[in-house]
PDB file of N, CA and C in Angstrom:
ATOM      1  N   MET A   1       5.375  -2.348  36.357  1.00  0.00           N
ATOM      2  CA  MET A   1       6.339  -1.128  36.901  1.00  0.00           C
ATOM      3  C   MET A   1       7.421  -1.526  35.972  1.00  0.00           C
ATOM      4  N   ALA A   2       7.749  -2.797  36.016  1.00  0.00           N
ATOM      5  CA  ALA A   2       9.404  -3.132  35.393  1.00  0.00           C
ATOM      6  C   ALA A   2       9.444  -2.488  34.254  1.00  0.00           C
ATOM      7  N   SER A   3       8.646  -2.743  32.909  1.00  0.00           N
ATOM      8  CA  SER A   3       8.140  -2.408  32.432  1.00  0.00           C
ATOM      9  C   SER A   3       8.398  -1.074  31.906  1.00  0.00           C
ATOM     10  N   MET A   4       7.751   0.164  32.662  1.00  0.00           N
ATOM     11  CA  MET A   4       7.868   1.206  32.848  1.00  0.00           C
ATOM     12  C   MET A   4       9.793   1.840  32.981  1.00  0.00           C
ATOM     13  N   ALA A   5      10.370   1.014  33.947  1.00  0.00           N
ATOM     14  CA  ALA A   5      11.619   1.034  34.282  1.00  0.00           C
ATOM     15  C   ALA A   5      12.994   0.994  33.098  1.00  0.00           C
ATOM     16  N   ALA A   6      12.268  -0.077  32.120  1.00  0.00           N
ATOM     17  CA  ALA A   6      12.964  -0.873  31.108  1.00  0.00           C
ATOM     18  C   ALA A   6      12.971   0.238  29.898  1.00  0.00           C
ATOM     19  N   ALA A   7      11.709   1.156  29.620  1.00  0.00           N
ATOM     20  CA  ALA A   7      11.104   1.653  29.155  1.00  0.00           C
ATOM     21  C   ALA A   7      11.744   2.932  29.468  1.00  0.00           C
ATOM     22  N   LEU A   8      12.239   3.757  30.555  1.00  0.00           N
ATOM     23  CA  LEU A   8      12.932   4.640  31.201  1.00  0.00           C
ATOM     24  C   LEU A   8      14.272   4.444  30.373  1.00  0.00           C
ATOM     25  N   ALA A   9      14.926   3.598  30.927  1.00  0.00           N
ATOM     26  CA  ALA A   9      15.996   3.477  30.831  1.00  0.00           C
ATOM     27  C   ALA A   9      16.438   3.010  28.764  1.00  0.00           C
ATOM     28  N   ARG A  10      15.774   2.833  27.678  1.00  0.00           N
ATOM     29  CA  ARG A  10      15.595   2.783  26.732  1.00  0.00           C
ATOM     30  C   ARG A  10      15.846   4.145  26.245  1.00  0.00           C
ATOM     31  N   GLN A  11      14.798   5.403  26.517  1.00  0.00           N
ATOM     32  CA  GLN A  11      15.043   6.374  26.310  1.00  0.00           C
ATOM     33  C   GLN A  11      15.965   6.952  26.535  1.00  0.00           C
ATOM     34  N   LYS A  12      16.718   6.613  27.569  1.00  0.00           N
ATOM     35  CA  LYS A  12      17.802   8.050  28.559  1.00  0.00           C
ATOM     36  C   LYS A  12      18.955   7.514  27.464  1.00  0.00           C
ATOM     37  N   ALA A  13      18.897   6.181  27.299  1.00  0.00           N
ATOM     38  CA  ALA A  13      20.083   5.494  26.493  1.00  0.00           C
ATOM     39  C   ALA A  13      20.056   5.767  24.553  1.00  0.00           C
ATOM     40  N   ARG A  14      18.628   6.021  24.453  1.00  0.00           N
ATOM     41  CA  ARG A  14      18.945   6.969  22.944  1.00  0.00           C
ATOM     42  C   ARG A  14      18.965   8.240  22.916  1.00  0.00           C
ATOM     43  N   GLU A  15      19.349   9.561  23.831  1.00  0.00           N
ATOM     44  CA  GLU A  15      18.686  10.329  23.742  1.00  0.00           C
ATOM     45  C   GLU A  15      20.657  10.844  23.870  1.00  0.00           C
ATOM     46  N   GLU A  16      21.510   9.467  24.372  1.00  0.00           N
ATOM     47  CA  GLU A  16      22.553   9.804  25.016  1.00  0.00           C
ATOM     48  C   GLU A  16      23.400   9.918  23.814  1.00  0.00           C
ATOM     49  N   ASP A  17      23.380   8.342  22.848  1.00  0.00           N
ATOM     50  CA  ASP A  17      24.192   7.924  21.612  1.00  0.00           C
ATOM     51  C   ASP A  17      22.922   8.585  20.293  1.00  0.00           C
ATOM     52  N   GLY A  18      21.666   9.055  20.081  1.00  0.00           N
ATOM     53  CA  GLY A  18      21.273   9.151  19.266  1.00  0.00           C
ATOM     54  C   GLY A  18      20.857   7.791  18.646  1.00  0.00           C
ATOM     55  N   ALA A  19      20.680   7.205  19.057  1.00  0.00           N
ATOM     56  CA  ALA A  19      20.774   5.440  19.048  1.00  0.00           C
ATOM     57  C   ALA A  19      18.659   5.346  18.729  1.00  0.00           C
ATOM     58  N   GLY A  20      17.561   5.354  17.567  1.00  0.00           N
ATOM     59  CA  GLY A  20      16.444   5.502  17.505  1.00  0.00           C
ATOM     60  C   GLY A  20      16.004   6.433  16.905  1.00  0.00           C
ATOM     61  N   SER A  21      16.613   7.263  16.483  1.00  0.00           N
ATOM     62  CA  SER A  21      16.333   8.574  15.576  1.00  0.00           C
ATOM     63  C   SER A  21      16.540   8.159  14.563  1.00  0.00           C
ATOM     64  N   ARG A  22      15.651   8.895  13.657  1.00  0.00           N
ATOM     65  CA  ARG A  22      16.359   8.432  11.690  1.00  0.00           C
ATOM     66  C   ARG A  22      17.463   8.302  11.359  1.00  0.00           C
ATOM     67  N   ALA A  23      18.419   9.624  12.084  1.00  0.00           N
ATOM     68  CA  ALA A  23      20.058   8.871  11.577  1.00  0.00           C
ATOM     69  C   ALA A  23      20.394   8.546  11.967  1.00  0.00           C
ATOM     70  N   ASN A  24      20.431   7.371  12.811  1.00  0.00           N
ATOM     71  CA  ASN A  24      20.185   6.406  13.710  1.00  0.00           C
ATOM     72  C   ASN A  24      19.443   5.418  14.263  1.00  0.00           C
ATOM     73  N   ALA A  25      19.037   4.729  13.460  1.00  0.00           N
ATOM     74  CA  ALA A  25      17.655   3.640  13.219  1.00  0.00           C
ATOM     75  C   ALA A  25      18.156   2.761  14.375  1.00  0.00           C
ATOM     76  N   VAL A  26      17.757   1.609  15.498  1.00  0.00           N
ATOM     77  CA  VAL A  26      17.316   1.133  16.459  1.00  0.00           C
ATOM     78  C   VAL A  26      17.044  -0.015  15.241  1.00  0.00           C
ATOM     79  N   PRO A  27      18.033  -0.990  14.725  1.00  0.00           N
ATOM     80  CA  PRO A  27      17.531  -2.849  14.453  1.00  0.00           C
ATOM     81  C   PRO A  27      17.413  -3.546  14.719  1.00  0.00           C
ATOM     82  N   PHE A  28      15.749  -3.863  14.666  1.00  0.00           N
ATOM     83  CA  PHE A  28      14.416  -5.085  15.416  1.00  0.00           C
ATOM     84  C   PHE A  28      15.379  -6.390  14.815  1.00  0.00           C
ATOM     85  N   ASN A  29      15.105  -6.607  16.202  1.00  0.00           N
ATOM     86  CA  ASN A  29      15.916  -8.443  16.609  1.00  0.00           C
ATOM     87  C   ASN A  29      16.607  -8.384  16.091  1.00  0.00           C
ATOM     88  N   GLN A  30      18.387  -7.108  16.025  1.00  0.00           N
ATOM     89  CA  GLN A  30      19.748  -7.150  16.661  1.00  0.00           C
ATOM     90  C   GLN A  30      20.545  -7.494  14.875  1.00  0.00           C
ATOM     91  N   GLN A  31      18.534  -7.767  13.864  1.00  0.00           N
ATOM     92  CA  GLN A  31      18.332  -7.443  12.591  1.00  0.00           C
ATOM     93  C   GLN A  31      19.463  -5.935  11.494  1.00  0.00           C
ATOM     94  N   ASP A  32      20.817  -6.224  10.845  1.00  0.00           N
ATOM     95  CA  ASP A  32      21.395  -5.318   9.830  1.00  0.00           C
ATOM     96  C   ASP A  32      20.931  -5.744   8.582  1.00  0.00           C
ATOM     97  N   PHE A  33      19.767  -4.762   7.766  1.00  0.00           N
ATOM     98  CA  PHE A  33      19.246  -4.577   6.354  1.00  0.00           C
ATOM     99  C   PHE A  33      20.491  -4.721   5.564  1.00  0.00           C
ATOM    100  N   GLU A  34      21.540  -4.227   5.100  1.00  0.00           N
ATOM    101  CA  GLU A  34      23.395  -4.403   5.108  1.00  0.00           C
ATOM    102  C   GLU A  34      23.188  -5.481   4.793  1.00  0.00           C
ATOM    103  N   ARG A  35      24.003  -5.847   6.011  1.00  0.00           N
ATOM    104  CA  ARG A  35      24.791  -7.060   6.323  1.00  0.00           C
ATOM    105  C   ARG A  35      23.772  -8.171   5.753  1.00  0.00           C
ATOM    106  N   LEU A  36      22.351  -8.146   6.159  1.00  0.00           N
ATOM    107  CA  LEU A  36      21.918  -9.414   5.909  1.00  0.00           C
ATOM    108  C   LEU A  36      21.760  -9.386   4.302  1.00  0.00           C
ATOM    109  N   ARG A  37      21.071  -8.235   3.057  1.00  0.00           N
ATOM    110  CA  ARG A  37      21.195  -7.953   2.261  1.00  0.00           C
ATOM    111  C   ARG A  37      22.891  -8.443   1.472  1.00  0.00           C
ATOM    112  N   ARG A  38      23.780  -8.544   1.741  1.00  0.00           N
ATOM    113  CA  ARG A  38      25.238  -8.638   1.653  1.00  0.00           C
ATOM    114  C   ARG A  38      25.484  -9.997   1.555  1.00  0.00           C
ATOM    115  N   ASP A  39      24.662 -10.716   2.683  1.00  0.00           N
ATOM    116  CA  ASP A  39      24.471 -12.049   2.752  1.00  0.00           C
ATOM    117  C   ASP A  39      24.085 -13.237   2.027  1.00  0.00           C
ATOM    118  N   CYS A  40      23.274 -12.222   1.633  1.00  0.00           N
ATOM    119  CA  CYS A  40      21.933 -12.953   0.250  1.00  0.00           C
ATOM    120  C   CYS A  40      22.324 -13.143  -0.707  1.00  0.00           C
ATOM    121  N   LEU A  41      23.235 -11.981  -1.346  1.00  0.00           N
ATOM    122  CA  LEU A  41      23.729 -11.573  -2.428  1.00  0.00           C
ATOM    123  C   LEU A  41      24.390 -12.569  -2.811  1.00  0.00           C
ATOM    124  N   GLN A  42      25.507 -12.115  -1.360  1.00  0.00           N
ATOM    125  CA  GLN A  42      27.359 -13.009  -1.734  1.00  0.00           C
ATOM    126  C   GLN A  42      26.493 -15.076  -2.635  1.00  0.00           C
ATOM    127  N   SER A  43      26.268 -15.354  -0.933  1.00  0.00           N
ATOM    128  CA  SER A  43      25.364 -16.891  -1.237  1.00  0.00           C
ATOM    129  C   SER A  43      24.286 -16.948  -2.120  1.00  0.00           C
ATOM    130  N   GLY A  44      23.658 -15.589  -3.127  1.00  0.00           N
ATOM    131  CA  GLY A  44      23.369 -16.599  -3.653  1.00  0.00           C
ATOM    132  C   GLY A  44      21.399 -16.736  -3.657  1.00  0.00           C
ATOM    133  N   SER A  45      20.857 -16.871  -1.951  1.00  0.00           N
ATOM    134  CA  SER A  45      19.846 -17.291  -1.373  1.00  0.00           C
ATOM    135  C   SER A  45      19.178 -16.071  -1.351  1.00  0.00           C
ATOM    136  N   LEU A  46      18.128 -16.325  -0.826  1.00  0.00           N
ATOM    137  CA  LEU A  46      16.222 -15.379  -0.331  1.00  0.00           C
ATOM    138  C   LEU A  46      16.910 -15.764   0.258  1.00  0.00           C
ATOM    139  N   PHE A  47      16.652 -14.651   1.122  1.00  0.00           N
ATOM    140  CA  PHE A  47      16.707 -14.572   3.180  1.00  0.00           C
ATOM    141  C   PHE A  47      15.331 -15.174   3.091  1.00  0.00           C
ATOM    142  N   CYS A  48      16.018 -15.868   4.896  1.00  0.00           N
ATOM    143  CA  CYS A  48      14.635 -16.656   5.943  1.00  0.00           C
ATOM    144  C   CYS A  48      15.217 -15.965   6.946  1.00  0.00           C
ATOM    145  N   ASP A  49      13.975 -15.122   6.938  1.00  0.00           N
ATOM    146  CA  ASP A  49      14.514 -14.462   8.661  1.00  0.00           C
ATOM    147  C   ASP A  49      14.156 -15.825   9.779  1.00  0.00           C
ATOM    148  N   PRO A  50      15.242 -15.996  10.248  1.00  0.00           N
ATOM    149  CA  PRO A  50      14.950 -16.851  11.767  1.00  0.00           C
ATOM    150  C   PRO A  50      14.382 -16.241  12.771  1.00  0.00           C
ATOM    151  N   THR A  51      14.020 -14.804  12.952  1.00  0.00           N
ATOM    152  CA  THR A  51      13.656 -14.551  14.285  1.00  0.00           C
ATOM    153  C   THR A  51      11.768 -14.539  14.338  1.00  0.00           C
ATOM    154  N   PHE A  52      11.795 -15.017  12.658  1.00  0.00           N
ATOM    155  CA  PHE A  52      10.361 -15.183  12.249  1.00  0.00           C
ATOM    156  C   PHE A  52      10.235 -15.878  11.570  1.00  0.00           C
ATOM    157  N   PRO A  53      10.279 -17.931  11.662  1.00  0.00           N
ATOM    158  CA  PRO A  53      10.130 -18.675  10.760  1.00  0.00           C
ATOM    159  C   PRO A  53       9.078 -18.374  10.737  1.00  0.00           C
ATOM    160  N   PRO A  54       9.400 -20.065   9.282  1.00  0.00           N
ATOM    161  CA  PRO A  54       7.478 -20.107   8.736  1.00  0.00           C
ATOM    162  C   PRO A  54       7.292 -21.693   9.481  1.00  0.00           C
ATOM    163  N   ASN A  55       6.704 -21.525  10.910  1.00  0.00           N
ATOM    164  CA  ASN A  55       6.257 -22.795  11.578  1.00  0.00           C
ATOM    165  C   ASN A  55       4.863 -22.144  12.347  1.00  0.00           C
ATOM    166  N   TRP A  56       4.262 -22.472  12.842  1.00  0.00           N
ATOM    167  CA  TRP A  56       2.453 -22.888  14.090  1.00  0.00           C
ATOM    168  C   TRP A  56       3.180 -21.273  14.443  1.00  0.00           C
ATOM    169  N   ASP A  57       4.790 -21.369  15.095  1.00  0.00           N
ATOM    170  CA  ASP A  57       5.371 -19.821  16.621  1.00  0.00           C
ATOM    171  C   ASP A  57       4.738 -18.609  15.478  1.00  0.00           C
ATOM    172  N   SER A  58       4.281 -18.782  14.486  1.00  0.00           N
ATOM    173  CA  SER A  58       4.890 -17.189  13.739  1.00  0.00           C
ATOM    174  C   SER A  58       3.114 -16.691  13.428  1.00  0.00           C
ATOM    175  N   LEU A  59       2.575 -17.964  13.492  1.00  0.00           N
ATOM    176  CA  LEU A  59       0.725 -18.363  13.243  1.00  0.00           C
ATOM    177  C   LEU A  59       0.441 -17.118  14.331  1.00  0.00           C
ATOM    178  N   GLY A  60       0.456 -17.561  15.307  1.00  0.00           N
ATOM    179  CA  GLY A  60      -0.165 -16.943  16.968  1.00  0.00           C
ATOM    180  C   GLY A  60      -0.586 -17.997  17.199  1.00  0.00           C
ATOM    181  N   TYR A  61      -1.499 -17.821  18.422  1.00  0.00           N
ATOM    182  CA  TYR A  61      -1.693 -18.952  18.885  1.00  0.00           C
ATOM    183  C   TYR A  61      -3.295 -19.112  19.419  1.00  0.00           C
ATOM    184  N   ASN A  62      -3.952 -19.643  19.699  1.00  0.00           N
ATOM    185  CA  ASN A  62      -5.625 -19.731  19.965  1.00  0.00           C
ATOM    186  C   ASN A  62      -6.711 -20.320  19.019  1.00  0.00           C
ATOM    187  N   GLN A  63      -6.555 -19.278  17.815  1.00  0.00           N
ATOM    188  CA  GLN A  63      -8.055 -19.840  17.137  1.00  0.00           C
ATOM    189  C   GLN A  63      -7.064 -19.558  15.519  1.00  0.00           C
ATOM    190  N   LEU A  64      -5.609 -19.224  15.877  1.00  0.00           N
ATOM    191  CA  LEU A  64      -4.377 -19.855  15.197  1.00  0.00           C
ATOM    192  C   LEU A  64      -2.990 -20.376  15.447  1.00  0.00           C
ATOM    193  N   GLY A  65      -3.204 -21.052  16.115  1.00  0.00           N
ATOM    194  CA  GLY A  65      -2.864 -22.545  16.384  1.00  0.00           C
ATOM    195  C   GLY A  65      -2.318 -23.440  16.263  1.00  0.00           C
ATOM    196  N   ARG A  66      -1.241 -24.341  16.040  1.00  0.00           N
ATOM    197  CA  ARG A  66      -1.574 -25.417  15.731  1.00  0.00           C
ATOM    198  C   ARG A  66      -2.217 -26.391  15.475  1.00  0.00           C
ATOM    199  N   TYR A  67      -3.228 -26.061  16.586  1.00  0.00           N
ATOM    200  CA  TYR A  67      -3.812 -27.934  15.885  1.00  0.00           C
ATOM    201  C   TYR A  67      -5.073 -26.659  16.020  1.00  0.00           C
ATOM    202  N   SER A  68      -5.289 -25.884  15.340  1.00  0.00           N
ATOM    203  CA  SER A  68      -6.931 -24.557  15.018  1.00  0.00           C
ATOM    204  C   SER A  68      -7.370 -25.425  13.944  1.00  0.00           C
ATOM    205  N   SER A  69      -8.284 -25.260  13.559  1.00  0.00           N
ATOM    206  CA  SER A  69      -8.667 -25.760  12.432  1.00  0.00           C
ATOM    207  C   SER A  69      -8.793 -25.003  11.497  1.00  0.00           C
ATOM    208  N   LYS A  70      -8.738 -23.531  12.101  1.00  0.00           N
ATOM    209  CA  LYS A  70      -8.466 -22.764  10.761  1.00  0.00           C
ATOM    210  C   LYS A  70      -7.620 -22.895  10.096  1.00  0.00           C
ATOM    211  N   THR A  71      -5.666 -23.596  10.585  1.00  0.00           N
ATOM    212  CA  THR A  71      -4.726 -23.711  10.392  1.00  0.00           C
ATOM    213  C   THR A  71      -4.551 -24.474   9.787  1.00  0.00           C
ATOM    214  N   ILE A  72      -5.238 -26.121   9.498  1.00  0.00           N
ATOM    215  CA  ILE A  72      -4.870 -27.053   8.383  1.00  0.00           C
ATOM    216  C   ILE A  72      -4.771 -26.526   7.263  1.00  0.00           C
ATOM    217  N   GLY A  73      -3.880 -27.317   6.508  1.00  0.00           N
ATOM    218  CA  GLY A  73      -3.256 -27.172   5.686  1.00  0.00           C
ATOM    219  C   GLY A  73      -2.225 -26.594   4.960  1.00  0.00           C
ATOM    220  N   VAL A  74      -1.644 -25.067   5.963  1.00  0.00           N
ATOM    221  CA  VAL A  74      -1.354 -23.837   5.857  1.00  0.00           C
ATOM    222  C   VAL A  74       0.134 -24.353   5.415  1.00  0.00           C
ATOM    223  N   GLU A  75       0.291 -23.703   3.794  1.00  0.00           N
ATOM    224  CA  GLU A  75       1.004 -23.551   4.189  1.00  0.00           C
ATOM    225  C   GLU A  75       2.508 -22.750   3.521  1.00  0.00           C
ATOM    226  N   TRP A  76       3.813 -22.424   4.092  1.00  0.00           N
ATOM    227  CA  TRP A  76       4.445 -21.520   3.038  1.00  0.00           C
ATOM    228  C   TRP A  76       4.540 -21.167   2.260  1.00  0.00           C
ATOM    229  N   LYS A  77       4.779 -20.395   1.435  1.00  0.00           N
ATOM    230  CA  LYS A  77       5.125 -20.288   0.000  1.00  0.00           C
ATOM    231  C   LYS A  77       5.562 -18.723  -0.247  1.00  0.00           C
ATOM    232  N   ARG A  78       6.449 -18.084  -0.802  1.00  0.00           N
ATOM    233  CA  ARG A  78       6.882 -17.252  -1.648  1.00  0.00           C
ATOM    234  C   ARG A  78       6.482 -16.695  -2.545  1.00  0.00           C
ATOM    235  N   PRO A  79       6.185 -15.664  -2.347  1.00  0.00           N
ATOM    236  CA  PRO A  79       4.884 -15.290  -3.726  1.00  0.00           C
ATOM    237  C   PRO A  79       6.061 -14.897  -4.767  1.00  0.00           C
ATOM    238  N   GLY A  80       5.741 -14.704  -5.796  1.00  0.00           N
ATOM    239  CA  GLY A  80       6.181 -14.310  -7.039  1.00  0.00           C
ATOM    240  C   GLY A  80       5.794 -13.298  -7.290  1.00  0.00           C
ATOM    241  N   LEU A  81       6.332 -12.481  -6.950  1.00  0.00           N
ATOM    242  CA  LEU A  81       5.685 -10.683  -6.849  1.00  0.00           C
ATOM    243  C   LEU A  81       7.217 -10.064  -7.322  1.00  0.00           C
ATOM    244  N   TRP A  82       7.140  -9.684  -9.098  1.00  0.00           N
ATOM    245  CA  TRP A  82       8.269  -9.197  -9.571  1.00  0.00           C
ATOM    246  C   TRP A  82       6.752  -8.386 -10.459  1.00  0.00           C
ATOM    247  N   GLN A  83       7.923  -7.335 -11.627  1.00  0.00           N
ATOM    248  CA  GLN A  83       6.925  -6.728 -12.209  1.00  0.00           C
ATOM    249  C   GLN A  83       7.730  -7.206 -13.940  1.00  0.00           C
ATOM    250  N   TYR A  84       7.090  -7.499 -15.519  1.00  0.00           N
ATOM    251  CA  TYR A  84       7.557  -7.344 -16.357  1.00  0.00           C
ATOM    252  C   TYR A  84       8.854  -9.239 -16.110  1.00  0.00           C
ATOM    253  N   GLY A  85       8.819  -9.562 -15.467  1.00  0.00           N
ATOM    254  CA  GLY A  85      10.166 -11.337 -15.559  1.00  0.00           C
ATOM    255  C   GLY A  85      11.266 -10.678 -14.649  1.00  0.00           C
ATOM    256  N   GLU A  86      11.234  -9.429 -14.095  1.00  0.00           N
ATOM    257  CA  GLU A  86      11.995  -9.110 -12.808  1.00  0.00           C
ATOM    258  C   GLU A  86      11.859  -9.144 -11.942  1.00  0.00           C
ATOM    259  N   TRP A  87      12.907  -9.709 -10.724  1.00  0.00           N
ATOM    260  CA  TRP A  87      12.170  -8.954  -9.411  1.00  0.00           C
ATOM    261  C   TRP A  87      12.197  -7.060  -9.560  1.00  0.00           C
ATOM    262  N   VAL A  88      11.489  -6.340  -8.558  1.00  0.00           N
ATOM    263  CA  VAL A  88      11.541  -4.733  -8.831  1.00  0.00           C
ATOM    264  C   VAL A  88      12.421  -4.164  -7.435  1.00  0.00           C
ATOM    265  N   ASP A  89      13.302  -3.669  -6.438  1.00  0.00           N
ATOM    266  CA  ASP A  89      13.053  -2.979  -5.610  1.00  0.00           C
ATOM    267  C   ASP A  89      12.420  -1.811  -5.595  1.00  0.00           C
ATOM    268  N   VAL A  90      11.800  -2.048  -4.955  1.00  0.00           N
ATOM    269  CA  VAL A  90      10.078  -0.364  -4.035  1.00  0.00           C
ATOM    270  C   VAL A  90      11.182   0.153  -3.824  1.00  0.00           C
ATOM    271  N   VAL A  91      11.363   1.925  -3.641  1.00  0.00           N
ATOM    272  CA  VAL A  91      11.436   2.370  -2.922  1.00  0.00           C
ATOM    273  C   VAL A  91      10.532   3.853  -2.335  1.00  0.00           C
ATOM    274  N   VAL A  92      10.037   3.860  -1.823  1.00  0.00           N
ATOM    275  CA  VAL A  92       9.085   4.562  -0.663  1.00  0.00           C
ATOM    276  C   VAL A  92       9.531   5.721   0.530  1.00  0.00           C
ATOM    277  N   ASP A  93       8.457   7.250   0.402  1.00  0.00           N
ATOM    278  CA  ASP A  93       9.421   8.016   1.299  1.00  0.00           C
ATOM    279  C   ASP A  93       7.580   6.638   2.493  1.00  0.00           C
ATOM    280  N   ASP A  94       8.432   7.813   3.274  1.00  0.00           N
ATOM    281  CA  ASP A  94       6.509   7.180   5.105  1.00  0.00           C
ATOM    282  C   ASP A  94       6.173   8.433   5.309  1.00  0.00           C
ATOM    283  N   ARG A  95       5.578   9.651   3.924  1.00  0.00           N
ATOM    284  CA  ARG A  95       4.294  10.314   3.949  1.00  0.00           C
ATOM    285  C   ARG A  95       3.007   9.817   2.729  1.00  0.00           C
ATOM    286  N   LEU A  96       1.885   9.754   3.648  1.00  0.00           N
ATOM    287  CA  LEU A  96       0.794   8.922   3.637  1.00  0.00           C
ATOM    288  C   LEU A  96       0.274   9.803   3.430  1.00  0.00           C
ATOM    289  N   PRO A  97      -1.180   9.809   3.210  1.00  0.00           N
ATOM    290  CA  PRO A  97      -2.195  10.507   2.181  1.00  0.00           C
ATOM    291  C   PRO A  97      -3.371  10.323   3.574  1.00  0.00           C
ATOM    292  N   THR A  98      -3.654  11.595   4.604  1.00  0.00           N
ATOM    293  CA  THR A  98      -5.076  11.738   5.400  1.00  0.00           C
ATOM    294  C   THR A  98      -5.702  12.422   4.472  1.00  0.00           C
ATOM    295  N   ARG A  99      -6.898  11.980   6.032  1.00  0.00           N
ATOM    296  CA  ARG A  99      -8.283  12.844   5.910  1.00  0.00           C
ATOM    297  C   ARG A  99      -8.019  13.551   6.895  1.00  0.00           C
ATOM    298  N   ASP A 100      -8.567  14.314   8.010  1.00  0.00           N
ATOM    299  CA  ASP A 100      -8.987  14.417   9.133  1.00  0.00           C
ATOM    300  C   ASP A 100      -8.108  13.976   9.810  1.00  0.00           C
ATOM    301  N   GLY A 101      -6.787  13.897   9.686  1.00  0.00           N
ATOM    302  CA  GLY A 101      -6.113  13.234  10.531  1.00  0.00           C
ATOM    303  C   GLY A 101      -5.875  11.371  10.325  1.00  0.00           C
ATOM    304  N   LYS A 102      -6.723  10.908   9.357  1.00  0.00           N
ATOM    305  CA  LYS A 102      -6.482   9.360   9.578  1.00  0.00           C
ATOM    306  C   LYS A 102      -6.738   8.875   7.404  1.00  0.00           C
ATOM    307  N   LEU A 103      -5.808   8.399   7.999  1.00  0.00           N
ATOM    308  CA  LEU A 103      -4.932   7.889   7.135  1.00  0.00           C
ATOM    309  C   LEU A 103      -6.431   7.261   5.308  1.00  0.00           C
ATOM    310  N   LEU A 104      -5.977   7.860   4.746  1.00  0.00           N
ATOM    311  CA  LEU A 104      -7.396   7.878   3.260  1.00  0.00           C
ATOM    312  C   LEU A 104      -7.744   6.463   2.375  1.00  0.00           C
ATOM    313  N   PHE A 105      -5.919   5.869   3.418  1.00  0.00           N
ATOM    314  CA  PHE A 105      -6.637   3.964   2.418  1.00  0.00           C
ATOM    315  C   PHE A 105      -6.293   2.706   2.755  1.00  0.00           C
ATOM    316  N   VAL A 106      -5.540   2.057   2.580  1.00  0.00           N
ATOM    317  CA  VAL A 106      -5.412   1.105   3.434  1.00  0.00           C
ATOM    318  C   VAL A 106      -5.004   1.393   5.052  1.00  0.00           C
ATOM    319  N   HIS A 107      -5.384   0.868   6.314  1.00  0.00           N
ATOM    320  CA  HIS A 107      -5.368   1.090   8.233  1.00  0.00           C
ATOM    321  C   HIS A 107      -5.717   0.538   8.710  1.00  0.00           C
ATOM    322  N   SER A 108      -5.132  -0.030   9.865  1.00  0.00           N
ATOM    323  CA  SER A 108      -5.298  -0.827  11.082  1.00  0.00           C
ATOM    324  C   SER A 108      -6.217   0.058  11.135  1.00  0.00           C
ATOM    325  N   GLU A 109      -7.660  -1.038  12.191  1.00  0.00           N
ATOM    326  CA  GLU A 109      -8.043  -0.856  12.875  1.00  0.00           C
ATOM    327  C   GLU A 109      -8.366   0.305  14.619  1.00  0.00           C
ATOM    328  N   GLU A 110      -7.094  -0.073  14.962  1.00  0.00           N
ATOM    329  CA  GLU A 110      -6.727   1.617  15.451  1.00  0.00           C
ATOM    330  C   GLU A 110      -6.195   2.711  15.599  1.00  0.00           C
ATOM    331  N   GLY A 111      -5.815   2.070  14.223  1.00  0.00           N
ATOM    332  CA  GLY A 111      -4.831   3.866  13.296  1.00  0.00           C
ATOM    333  C   GLY A 111      -4.010   4.296  13.415  1.00  0.00           C
ATOM    334  N   ARG A 112      -3.222   3.313  14.307  1.00  0.00           N
ATOM    335  CA  ARG A 112      -1.531   3.763  15.012  1.00  0.00           C
ATOM    336  C   ARG A 112      -0.520   2.711  13.799  1.00  0.00           C
ATOM    337  N   GLU A 113      -1.375   1.996  13.343  1.00  0.00           N
ATOM    338  CA  GLU A 113       0.246   1.371  12.071  1.00  0.00           C
ATOM    339  C   GLU A 113      -0.047   1.407  10.841  1.00  0.00           C
ATOM    340  N   PHE A 114       1.186   1.749  10.266  1.00  0.00           N
ATOM    341  CA  PHE A 114       1.170   1.661   9.323  1.00  0.00           C
ATOM    342  C   PHE A 114       2.252   1.272   8.727  1.00  0.00           C
ATOM    343  N   TRP A 115       2.791   0.076   8.323  1.00  0.00           N
ATOM    344  CA  TRP A 115       2.594  -2.055   7.520  1.00  0.00           C
ATOM    345  C   TRP A 115       2.091  -1.735   6.573  1.00  0.00           C
ATOM    346  N   SER A 116       0.842  -1.508   6.341  1.00  0.00           N
ATOM    347  CA  SER A 116       0.221  -2.182   6.088  1.00  0.00           C
ATOM    348  C   SER A 116      -0.546  -0.451   5.351  1.00  0.00           C
ATOM    349  N   ALA A 117      -0.058   0.209   5.309  1.00  0.00           N
ATOM    350  CA  ALA A 117       0.018   2.175   4.534  1.00  0.00           C
ATOM    351  C   ALA A 117       1.277   1.970   3.326  1.00  0.00           C
ATOM    352  N   LEU A 118       2.282   1.114   4.626  1.00  0.00           N
ATOM    353  CA  LEU A 118       3.385   1.431   3.385  1.00  0.00           C
ATOM    354  C   LEU A 118       3.742   0.828   2.539  1.00  0.00           C
ATOM    355  N   LEU A 119       3.144  -0.458   2.729  1.00  0.00           N
ATOM    356  CA  LEU A 119       3.011  -2.136   1.722  1.00  0.00           C
ATOM    357  C   LEU A 119       1.688  -1.583   0.741  1.00  0.00           C
ATOM    358  N   GLU A 120       0.803  -0.623   0.762  1.00  0.00           N
ATOM    359  CA  GLU A 120      -0.121  -0.557  -0.265  1.00  0.00           C
ATOM    360  C   GLU A 120       0.835   0.819  -1.249  1.00  0.00           C
ATOM    361  N   LYS A 121       1.074   1.438  -0.642  1.00  0.00           N
ATOM    362  CA  LYS A 121       2.531   3.221  -1.797  1.00  0.00           C
ATOM    363  C   LYS A 121       3.027   1.735  -2.444  1.00  0.00           C
ATOM    364  N   ALA A 122       3.659   1.418  -1.879  1.00  0.00           N
ATOM    365  CA  ALA A 122       4.856   0.470  -2.503  1.00  0.00           C
ATOM    366  C   ALA A 122       4.245  -0.073  -4.100  1.00  0.00           C
ATOM    367  N   TYR A 123       3.574  -0.635  -3.338  1.00  0.00           N
ATOM    368  CA  TYR A 123       2.337  -1.070  -4.927  1.00  0.00           C
ATOM    369  C   TYR A 123       2.505  -0.626  -5.088  1.00  0.00           C
ATOM    370  N   ALA A 124       0.666   0.173  -5.622  1.00  0.00           N
ATOM    371  CA  ALA A 124       0.664   1.358  -6.093  1.00  0.00           C
ATOM    372  C   ALA A 124       1.534   1.499  -7.233  1.00  0.00           C
ATOM    373  N   LYS A 125       2.599   2.324  -6.166  1.00  0.00           N
ATOM    374  CA  LYS A 125       4.083   2.889  -6.916  1.00  0.00           C
ATOM    375  C   LYS A 125       4.239   2.411  -8.403  1.00  0.00           C
TER     376      LYS A 125
END
């Protein structure tokens, strides 16, 4: 019940100040992309997300926990995700191809998550 009350309070606050709209997106985990980008460019360092660190807690629990046989030997690496020897920023919109209301290509099992389809779109572009 408390989570329902919290959700309603957040909705009311969004309606009052426009937060959560496309024009005024709410930063996830209080992270501001433009500030983080500027900081990394100024320092010449790659971004390391303190809210999702490369450690056991970020892998999960139970079957993917610290002592699971499935996570033995896990290493956190950065991909060499670039084109023709240089890093490239790929910008995509959020329009995705569908047929009969379902995503045409990559999709989550439940069909309500779109990050994998957006990533696929960026890769294809």
